[in-house]
Amino acid sequence: MNYDVREAIATAERAAARSSQPEHAFSNSLSDEILGRDGLRNRYLQDADAGRGTADITGPLTSIEQSSVLRSGSFSTDVRGSPFDGESSFKERRDK
C-alpha cells in the first residue's frame, strides 16, 4: 500500500475519532480523500496525463543516428582518432 493511500486512511481515522458518528465520518472522509475533487484518483490521473506527450523533437536525429550505427557501426558525428575513442593498446599482439 503506498503512502498516499495510508495518509488517506489516517485522515479518515482522525475524522472518525472526532465525530459522534464515526462510521459516517470515516466513509465520507475516505471518499473525499480518494474520489473527491482533489482526491487521489484525480491527482493520479493528472500525473498520468502529464507524462503522455508523444511529440519528440529529437525523433529525426535519433532516426538518423540509428541508421548511421546500423550502416557503419558508429554515430554519424564520430571522428576517428578523437580523444573519446577507446584505449586499444591492450588489443595489440604481444608475441611479435
Protein backbone atom coordinates (compact mmCIF):
# COMPACT_ATOMS: atom_id res chain seq x y z
CA MET A 1 0.00 0.00 0.00
CA ASN A 2 1.52 3.34 -0.92
CA TYR A 3 1.96 6.36 1.33
CA ASP A 4 -0.85 8.37 -0.31
CA VAL A 5 -3.38 5.64 0.48
CA ARG A 6 -2.05 5.30 4.02
CA GLU A 7 -2.39 9.04 4.52
CA ALA A 8 -5.98 8.99 3.20
CA ILE A 9 -6.86 6.23 5.66
CA ALA A 10 -5.16 8.05 8.54
CA THR A 11 -7.07 11.24 7.71
CA ALA A 12 -10.34 9.31 7.67
CA GLU A 13 -9.46 7.70 11.02
CA ARG A 14 -8.78 11.12 12.56
CA ALA A 15 -12.11 12.41 11.25
CA ALA A 16 -13.89 9.38 12.72
CA ALA A 17 -12.20 9.84 16.09
CA ARG A 18 -13.59 13.39 16.35
CA SER A 19 -17.12 12.53 15.24
CA SER A 20 -20.26 11.43 17.06
CA GLN A 21 -20.97 9.17 14.06
CA PRO A 22 -17.54 7.67 13.37
CA GLU A 23 -18.66 5.24 10.64
CA HIS A 24 -20.17 8.05 8.56
CA ALA A 25 -17.26 10.40 9.21
CA PHE A 26 -14.76 7.69 8.23
CA SER A 27 -16.52 6.75 4.98
CA ASN A 28 -17.19 10.38 3.97
CA SER A 29 -13.62 11.44 4.68
CA LEU A 30 -12.15 8.44 2.87
CA SER A 31 -14.43 9.05 -0.09
CA ASP A 32 -13.30 12.69 -0.27
CA GLU A 33 -9.63 11.73 0.06
CA ILE A 34 -9.85 9.22 -2.78
CA LEU A 35 -12.70 10.30 -5.04
CA GLY A 36 -13.05 13.99 -4.16
CA ARG A 37 -12.12 16.89 -6.42
CA ASP A 38 -8.53 16.91 -5.12
CA GLY A 39 -8.52 13.21 -4.25
CA LEU A 40 -6.02 10.53 -5.12
CA ARG A 41 -7.90 9.38 -8.21
CA ASN A 42 -7.84 12.79 -9.86
CA ARG A 43 -4.26 13.53 -8.78
CA TYR A 44 -3.05 10.22 -10.19
CA LEU A 45 -4.97 10.76 -13.43
CA GLN A 46 -3.47 14.26 -13.79
CA ASP A 47 0.02 12.86 -13.16
CA ALA A 48 -0.58 10.18 -15.80
CA ASP A 49 -1.84 12.72 -18.32
CA ALA A 50 1.21 14.91 -17.73
CA GLY A 51 3.52 12.09 -18.84
CA ARG A 52 1.77 11.20 -22.08
CA GLY A 53 3.27 13.62 -24.54
CA THR A 54 4.13 11.92 -27.79
CA ALA A 55 5.98 14.73 -29.54
CA ASP A 56 9.72 14.10 -29.72
CA ILE A 57 11.67 16.87 -31.38
CA THR A 58 14.77 14.68 -31.39
CA GLY A 59 12.99 11.91 -33.31
CA PRO A 60 14.52 12.70 -36.69
CA LEU A 61 18.00 12.96 -35.18
CA THR A 62 17.56 9.69 -33.34
CA SER A 63 16.45 8.04 -36.56
CA ILE A 64 19.47 9.40 -38.44
CA GLU A 65 21.83 8.14 -35.73
CA GLN A 66 20.17 4.72 -35.63
CA SER A 67 20.63 4.43 -39.38
CA SER A 68 24.26 5.50 -39.08
CA VAL A 69 25.01 2.95 -36.37
CA LEU A 70 23.35 0.17 -38.35
CA ARG A 71 25.09 1.16 -41.58
CA SER A 72 28.61 1.96 -40.33
CA GLY A 73 28.78 0.77 -36.73
CA SER A 74 29.24 4.26 -35.29
CA PHE A 75 27.49 7.60 -34.86
CA SER A 76 27.44 9.99 -37.80
CA THR A 77 29.43 12.55 -35.78
CA ASP A 78 32.08 10.09 -34.59
CA VAL A 79 35.55 11.21 -35.68
CA ARG A 80 38.34 8.65 -35.96
CA GLY A 81 41.18 9.35 -33.56
CA SER A 82 39.16 11.60 -31.31
CA PRO A 83 40.06 11.88 -27.62
CA PHE A 84 36.89 9.96 -26.85
CA ASP A 85 37.96 6.81 -28.69
CA GLY A 86 38.67 3.72 -26.66
CA GLU A 87 42.14 2.73 -25.45
CA SER A 88 43.21 -0.16 -27.67
CA SER A 89 46.79 -0.84 -26.63
CA PHE A 90 45.64 -3.98 -24.78
CA LYS A 91 44.45 -5.37 -28.12
CA GLU A 92 47.91 -5.33 -29.71
CA ARG A 93 49.57 -8.68 -30.18
CA ARG A 94 52.33 -9.22 -27.67
CA ASP A 95 54.00 -12.14 -29.48
CA LYS A 96 55.64 -10.08 -32.24
